[in-house]
Amino acid sequence: MNRTMQALVGLGSAGLLALTACSSSGGSKADTGQPSGGGGMTVNVGNVSGTGDVLTDAQGRTLYASDEEASGKILCDTKACLTFWQPLLVTDGQPTGPSSITAKLSTVARPDGTMQVALNGAPLYSFTEDHSSGDAKGNNFSDNFGSQSFTWHVATPAGIASQGPGQASSPAAPSYSYPNGGGGGGY
């Protein structure tokens, strides 16, 4: 089995486990992200080896935004997408972060009425394949849920990292497609 196939099988297995966990939770808010509120900062800054300073949630998980949602329109709203990409939610007020964040923190309304943290208008998510702080496996990651494609980049204190002309290149991240909006089938 080649490395690409091994990676696909591994991600598929993780996705099936995540789907199983979500289906047994009864559809609680935990399925789509944990609301942040109360004490502490909504967004923090951490360092990822090979990537540099990135924004993190309260648990230290790297935060990402997709190219397709840069305008603030929520497109990751299916159960399959939300199994892999958890929105960073706030229960009240504006999101907070350290003064080293020079990009603008704000919120956008999700289709279910919850408020999601955004950076320069782009909604922020954590990635289920990042298992500990310092992971950034979702950087430059491309996936597809049904007919909606996404390309994800880490959020940095200055904005969303991307691979535009003249920018440093990161190692290529894998690309996955989930037929019919399902998570992990069709390999």
C-alpha atoms as a PDB file:
ATOM      1  CA  MET A   1       0.000   0.000   0.000  1.00  0.00           C
ATOM      2  CA  ASN A   2       1.550   3.345  -0.963  1.00  0.00           C
ATOM      3  CA  ARG A   3       1.848   6.318   1.435  1.00  0.00           C
ATOM      4  CA  THR A   4      -1.045   8.223  -0.154  1.00  0.00           C
ATOM      5  CA  MET A   5      -3.395   5.271   0.222  1.00  0.00           C
ATOM      6  CA  GLN A   6      -2.229   4.754   3.825  1.00  0.00           C
ATOM      7  CA  ALA A   7      -2.972   8.409   4.594  1.00  0.00           C
ATOM      8  CA  LEU A   8      -6.400   8.122   2.985  1.00  0.00           C
ATOM      9  CA  VAL A   9      -7.247   4.978   4.921  1.00  0.00           C
ATOM     10  CA  GLY A  10      -6.031   6.572   8.171  1.00  0.00           C
ATOM     11  CA  LEU A  11      -8.082   9.731   7.640  1.00  0.00           C
ATOM     12  CA  GLY A  12     -11.088   7.670   6.594  1.00  0.00           C
ATOM     13  CA  SER A  13     -10.875   5.651   9.806  1.00  0.00           C
ATOM     14  CA  ALA A  14     -10.556   8.818  11.886  1.00  0.00           C
ATOM     15  CA  GLY A  15     -13.523  10.291  10.050  1.00  0.00           C
ATOM     16  CA  LEU A  16     -15.670   7.247  10.685  1.00  0.00           C
ATOM     17  CA  LEU A  17     -14.778   7.364  14.373  1.00  0.00           C
ATOM     18  CA  ALA A  18     -15.654  11.064  14.470  1.00  0.00           C
ATOM     19  CA  LEU A  19     -18.961  10.432  12.689  1.00  0.00           C
ATOM     20  CA  THR A  20     -19.773   7.658  15.143  1.00  0.00           C
ATOM     21  CA  ALA A  21     -19.025   9.950  18.085  1.00  0.00           C
ATOM     22  CA  CYS A  22     -21.144  12.733  16.605  1.00  0.00           C
ATOM     23  CA  SER A  23     -24.094  10.481  15.828  1.00  0.00           C
ATOM     24  CA  SER A  24     -24.228   9.252  19.415  1.00  0.00           C
ATOM     25  CA  SER A  25     -24.199  12.737  20.907  1.00  0.00           C
ATOM     26  CA  GLY A  26     -27.792  13.508  20.024  1.00  0.00           C
ATOM     27  CA  GLY A  27     -26.981  16.591  17.945  1.00  0.00           C
ATOM     28  CA  SER A  28     -25.701  18.827  20.733  1.00  0.00           C
ATOM     29  CA  LYS A  29     -23.763  22.055  20.134  1.00  0.00           C
ATOM     30  CA  ALA A  30     -20.584  20.040  20.673  1.00  0.00           C
ATOM     31  CA  ASP A  31     -21.122  18.650  17.162  1.00  0.00           C
ATOM     32  CA  THR A  32     -20.367  22.053  15.645  1.00  0.00           C
ATOM     33  CA  GLY A  33     -17.826  23.558  18.012  1.00  0.00           C
ATOM     34  CA  GLN A  34     -17.549  24.627  21.591  1.00  0.00           C
ATOM     35  CA  PRO A  35     -18.856  28.083  22.446  1.00  0.00           C
ATOM     36  CA  SER A  36     -16.292  30.270  24.123  1.00  0.00           C
ATOM     37  CA  GLY A  37     -17.290  32.699  26.796  1.00  0.00           C
ATOM     38  CA  GLY A  38     -16.447  33.787  30.289  1.00  0.00           C
ATOM     39  CA  GLY A  39     -12.826  33.935  31.453  1.00  0.00           C
ATOM     40  CA  GLY A  40      -9.765  33.947  29.254  1.00  0.00           C
ATOM     41  CA  MET A  41      -9.140  34.988  25.683  1.00  0.00           C
ATOM     42  CA  THR A  42     -11.222  33.630  22.834  1.00  0.00           C
ATOM     43  CA  VAL A  43      -8.177  33.449  20.547  1.00  0.00           C
ATOM     44  CA  ASN A  44      -4.529  33.010  21.523  1.00  0.00           C
ATOM     45  CA  VAL A  45      -1.232  32.909  19.637  1.00  0.00           C
ATOM     46  CA  GLY A  46       0.921  29.779  19.517  1.00  0.00           C
ATOM     47  CA  ASN A  47       3.937  28.664  17.534  1.00  0.00           C
ATOM     48  CA  VAL A  48       3.925  25.752  15.115  1.00  0.00           C
ATOM     49  CA  SER A  49       7.301  24.386  14.037  1.00  0.00           C
ATOM     50  CA  GLY A  50       7.847  25.107  10.351  1.00  0.00           C
ATOM     51  CA  THR A  51       4.818  27.428  10.187  1.00  0.00           C
ATOM     52  CA  GLY A  52       5.493  30.140  12.764  1.00  0.00           C
ATOM     53  CA  ASP A  53       2.960  32.029  14.881  1.00  0.00           C
ATOM     54  CA  VAL A  54      -0.636  30.893  14.417  1.00  0.00           C
ATOM     55  CA  LEU A  55      -3.922  31.633  16.120  1.00  0.00           C
ATOM     56  CA  THR A  56      -5.196  28.982  18.505  1.00  0.00           C
ATOM     57  CA  ASP A  57      -8.368  28.341  20.462  1.00  0.00           C
ATOM     58  CA  ALA A  58      -8.471  28.139  24.277  1.00  0.00           C
ATOM     59  CA  GLN A  59      -7.286  24.498  24.122  1.00  0.00           C
ATOM     60  CA  GLY A  60      -4.237  25.423  22.003  1.00  0.00           C
ATOM     61  CA  ARG A  61      -5.596  23.955  18.756  1.00  0.00           C
ATOM     62  CA  THR A  62      -4.539  25.725  15.544  1.00  0.00           C
ATOM     63  CA  LEU A  63      -7.269  27.781  13.852  1.00  0.00           C
ATOM     64  CA  TYR A  64      -7.956  27.825  10.112  1.00  0.00           C
ATOM     65  CA  ALA A  65     -10.105  29.593   7.525  1.00  0.00           C
ATOM     66  CA  SER A  66     -11.081  28.416   4.057  1.00  0.00           C
ATOM     67  CA  ASP A  67     -10.539  30.357   0.847  1.00  0.00           C
ATOM     68  CA  GLU A  68     -14.191  29.762  -0.039  1.00  0.00           C
ATOM     69  CA  GLU A  69     -15.469  31.496   3.117  1.00  0.00           C
ATOM     70  CA  ALA A  70     -13.122  34.522   2.956  1.00  0.00           C
ATOM     71  CA  SER A  71     -16.127  36.799   2.343  1.00  0.00           C
ATOM     72  CA  GLY A  72     -17.733  35.662   5.608  1.00  0.00           C
ATOM     73  CA  LYS A  73     -20.388  33.444   4.006  1.00  0.00           C
ATOM     74  CA  ILE A  74     -20.638  30.130   5.899  1.00  0.00           C
ATOM     75  CA  LEU A  75     -20.347  27.164   3.526  1.00  0.00           C
ATOM     76  CA  CYS A  76     -19.109  24.500   5.957  1.00  0.00           C
ATOM     77  CA  ASP A  77     -22.543  23.759   7.356  1.00  0.00           C
ATOM     78  CA  THR A  78     -23.090  20.072   6.620  1.00  0.00           C
ATOM     79  CA  LYS A  79     -22.639  17.386   9.254  1.00  0.00           C
ATOM     80  CA  ALA A  80     -19.846  15.854   7.152  1.00  0.00           C
ATOM     81  CA  CYS A  81     -17.886  19.123   6.980  1.00  0.00           C
ATOM     82  CA  LEU A  82     -18.476  19.900  10.653  1.00  0.00           C
ATOM     83  CA  THR A  83     -17.156  16.453  11.598  1.00  0.00           C
ATOM     84  CA  PHE A  84     -13.692  17.543  10.442  1.00  0.00           C
ATOM     85  CA  TRP A  85     -13.838  21.347  10.869  1.00  0.00           C
ATOM     86  CA  GLN A  86     -15.243  22.657  14.177  1.00  0.00           C
ATOM     87  CA  PRO A  87     -16.290  26.319  14.184  1.00  0.00           C
ATOM     88  CA  LEU A  88     -14.910  28.512  16.954  1.00  0.00           C
ATOM     89  CA  LEU A  89     -18.073  29.875  18.594  1.00  0.00           C
ATOM     90  CA  VAL A  90     -18.736  32.630  21.126  1.00  0.00           C
ATOM     91  CA  THR A  91     -21.801  32.824  23.336  1.00  0.00           C
ATOM     92  CA  ASP A  92     -21.809  36.564  23.921  1.00  0.00           C
ATOM     93  CA  GLY A  93     -19.906  39.691  23.003  1.00  0.00           C
ATOM     94  CA  GLN A  94     -16.943  40.117  20.744  1.00  0.00           C
ATOM     95  CA  PRO A  95     -14.033  37.685  20.611  1.00  0.00           C
ATOM     96  CA  THR A  96     -10.881  38.660  22.462  1.00  0.00           C
ATOM     97  CA  GLY A  97      -7.198  38.029  21.838  1.00  0.00           C
ATOM     98  CA  PRO A  98      -3.759  39.350  22.743  1.00  0.00           C
ATOM     99  CA  SER A  99      -2.561  42.688  21.357  1.00  0.00           C
ATOM    100  CA  SER A 100      -0.135  40.850  19.040  1.00  0.00           C
ATOM    101  CA  ILE A 101      -3.127  40.012  16.817  1.00  0.00           C
ATOM    102  CA  THR A 102      -3.147  42.827  14.265  1.00  0.00           C
ATOM    103  CA  ALA A 103      -5.907  41.392  12.057  1.00  0.00           C
ATOM    104  CA  LYS A 104      -9.518  42.161  13.006  1.00  0.00           C
ATOM    105  CA  LEU A 105     -11.417  39.694  15.196  1.00  0.00           C
ATOM    106  CA  SER A 106     -15.194  39.731  14.733  1.00  0.00           C
ATOM    107  CA  THR A 107     -18.125  37.330  14.527  1.00  0.00           C
ATOM    108  CA  VAL A 108     -20.378  36.002  11.770  1.00  0.00           C
ATOM    109  CA  ALA A 109     -23.754  34.344  12.230  1.00  0.00           C
ATOM    110  CA  ARG A 110     -23.960  30.646  11.367  1.00  0.00           C
ATOM    111  CA  PRO A 111     -27.118  29.265   9.716  1.00  0.00           C
ATOM    112  CA  ASP A 112     -28.252  27.882  13.112  1.00  0.00           C
ATOM    113  CA  GLY A 113     -27.985  31.345  14.729  1.00  0.00           C
ATOM    114  CA  THR A 114     -24.790  30.699  16.717  1.00  0.00           C
ATOM    115  CA  MET A 115     -21.982  33.245  16.439  1.00  0.00           C
ATOM    116  CA  GLN A 116     -18.668  32.135  14.967  1.00  0.00           C
ATOM    117  CA  VAL A 117     -15.361  33.940  15.456  1.00  0.00           C
ATOM    118  CA  ALA A 118     -13.933  35.424  12.252  1.00  0.00           C
ATOM    119  CA  LEU A 119     -10.563  36.931  11.341  1.00  0.00           C
ATOM    120  CA  ASN A 120     -10.795  39.767   8.803  1.00  0.00           C
ATOM    121  CA  GLY A 121     -14.299  38.430   8.106  1.00  0.00           C
ATOM    122  CA  ALA A 122     -13.248  34.807   7.466  1.00  0.00           C
ATOM    123  CA  PRO A 123     -14.844  32.259   9.869  1.00  0.00           C
ATOM    124  CA  LEU A 124     -12.361  30.292  12.014  1.00  0.00           C
ATOM    125  CA  TYR A 125     -12.314  26.521  12.582  1.00  0.00           C
ATOM    126  CA  SER A 126     -10.159  23.904  14.295  1.00  0.00           C
ATOM    127  CA  PHE A 127      -9.304  20.621  12.507  1.00  0.00           C
ATOM    128  CA  THR A 128     -10.008  17.209  14.059  1.00  0.00           C
ATOM    129  CA  GLU A 129      -6.757  15.754  12.727  1.00  0.00           C
ATOM    130  CA  ASP A 130      -4.740  18.190  14.876  1.00  0.00           C
ATOM    131  CA  HIS A 131      -4.351  16.018  17.960  1.00  0.00           C
ATOM    132  CA  SER A 132      -2.240  18.348  20.093  1.00  0.00           C
ATOM    133  CA  SER A 133      -1.152  21.953  20.336  1.00  0.00           C
ATOM    134  CA  GLY A 134       1.542  22.638  17.777  1.00  0.00           C
ATOM    135  CA  ASP A 135      -0.167  20.545  15.084  1.00  0.00           C
ATOM    136  CA  ALA A 136      -1.154  22.267  11.826  1.00  0.00           C
ATOM    137  CA  LYS A 137      -2.145  19.329   9.629  1.00  0.00           C
ATOM    138  CA  GLY A 138      -4.932  21.347   8.034  1.00  0.00           C
ATOM    139  CA  ASN A 139      -2.654  24.020   6.553  1.00  0.00           C
ATOM    140  CA  ASN A 140      -3.066  24.127   2.750  1.00  0.00           C
ATOM    141  CA  PHE A 141      -5.458  21.171   3.072  1.00  0.00           C
ATOM    142  CA  SER A 142      -8.081  20.704   0.350  1.00  0.00           C
ATOM    143  CA  ASP A 143     -11.242  18.693   0.773  1.00  0.00           C
ATOM    144  CA  ASN A 144     -14.672  18.338  -0.771  1.00  0.00           C
ATOM    145  CA  PHE A 145     -17.995  17.624   0.892  1.00  0.00           C
ATOM    146  CA  GLY A 146     -20.542  16.713  -1.780  1.00  0.00           C
ATOM    147  CA  SER A 147     -20.359  19.544  -4.296  1.00  0.00           C
ATOM    148  CA  GLN A 148     -18.556  22.056  -2.032  1.00  0.00           C
ATOM    149  CA  SER A 149     -14.753  22.239  -2.224  1.00  0.00           C
ATOM    150  CA  PHE A 150     -12.569  23.882   0.427  1.00  0.00           C
ATOM    151  CA  THR A 151      -8.921  24.897   0.720  1.00  0.00           C
ATOM    152  CA  TRP A 152      -7.850  25.656   4.298  1.00  0.00           C
ATOM    153  CA  HIS A 153      -5.044  27.856   5.641  1.00  0.00           C
ATOM    154  CA  VAL A 154      -3.777  28.634   9.138  1.00  0.00           C
ATOM    155  CA  ALA A 155      -4.885  31.873  10.764  1.00  0.00           C
ATOM    156  CA  THR A 156      -1.968  34.070  11.828  1.00  0.00           C
ATOM    157  CA  PRO A 157      -1.881  37.218  13.961  1.00  0.00           C
ATOM    158  CA  ALA A 158      -1.726  39.281  10.731  1.00  0.00           C
ATOM    159  CA  GLY A 159      -4.473  37.399   8.826  1.00  0.00           C
ATOM    160  CA  ILE A 160      -5.012  34.182   6.938  1.00  0.00           C
ATOM    161  CA  ALA A 161      -1.902  32.495   5.523  1.00  0.00           C
ATOM    162  CA  SER A 162      -2.169  31.533   1.873  1.00  0.00           C
ATOM    163  CA  GLN A 163       0.064  30.314  -0.871  1.00  0.00           C
ATOM    164  CA  GLY A 164      -0.154  33.329  -3.126  1.00  0.00           C
ATOM    165  CA  PRO A 165       2.666  34.458  -5.431  1.00  0.00           C
ATOM    166  CA  GLY A 166       5.852  35.314  -3.561  1.00  0.00           C
ATOM    167  CA  GLN A 167       4.822  33.608  -0.319  1.00  0.00           C
ATOM    168  CA  ALA A 168       6.774  30.873   1.363  1.00  0.00           C
ATOM    169  CA  SER A 169       5.693  27.425   0.354  1.00  0.00           C
ATOM    170  CA  SER A 170       4.653  24.862   2.924  1.00  0.00           C
ATOM    171  CA  PRO A 171       4.815  21.146   2.263  1.00  0.00           C
ATOM    172  CA  ALA A 172       1.870  20.069   0.144  1.00  0.00           C
ATOM    173  CA  ALA A 173      -1.076  18.897   2.197  1.00  0.00           C
ATOM    174  CA  PRO A 174      -3.294  16.049   1.056  1.00  0.00           C
ATOM    175  CA  SER A 175      -6.587  16.503  -0.708  1.00  0.00           C
ATOM    176  CA  TYR A 176      -9.696  14.460   0.085  1.00  0.00           C
ATOM    177  CA  SER A 177     -13.147  14.121  -1.400  1.00  0.00           C
ATOM    178  CA  TYR A 178     -16.141  12.870   0.513  1.00  0.00           C
ATOM    179  CA  PRO A 179     -18.811  11.739  -1.981  1.00  0.00           C
ATOM    180  CA  ASN A 180     -22.399  12.789  -1.345  1.00  0.00           C
ATOM    181  CA  GLY A 181     -21.283  14.860   1.635  1.00  0.00           C
ATOM    182  CA  GLY A 182     -20.286  11.740   3.573  1.00  0.00           C
ATOM    183  CA  GLY A 183     -17.098  11.591   5.588  1.00  0.00           C
ATOM    184  CA  GLY A 184     -14.580   8.972   4.606  1.00  0.00           C
ATOM    185  CA  GLY A 185     -16.268   6.866   1.914  1.00  0.00           C
ATOM    186  CA  GLY A 186     -15.229   6.238  -1.650  1.00  0.00           C
ATOM    187  CA  TYR A 187     -11.548   5.434  -1.227  1.00  0.00           C
END
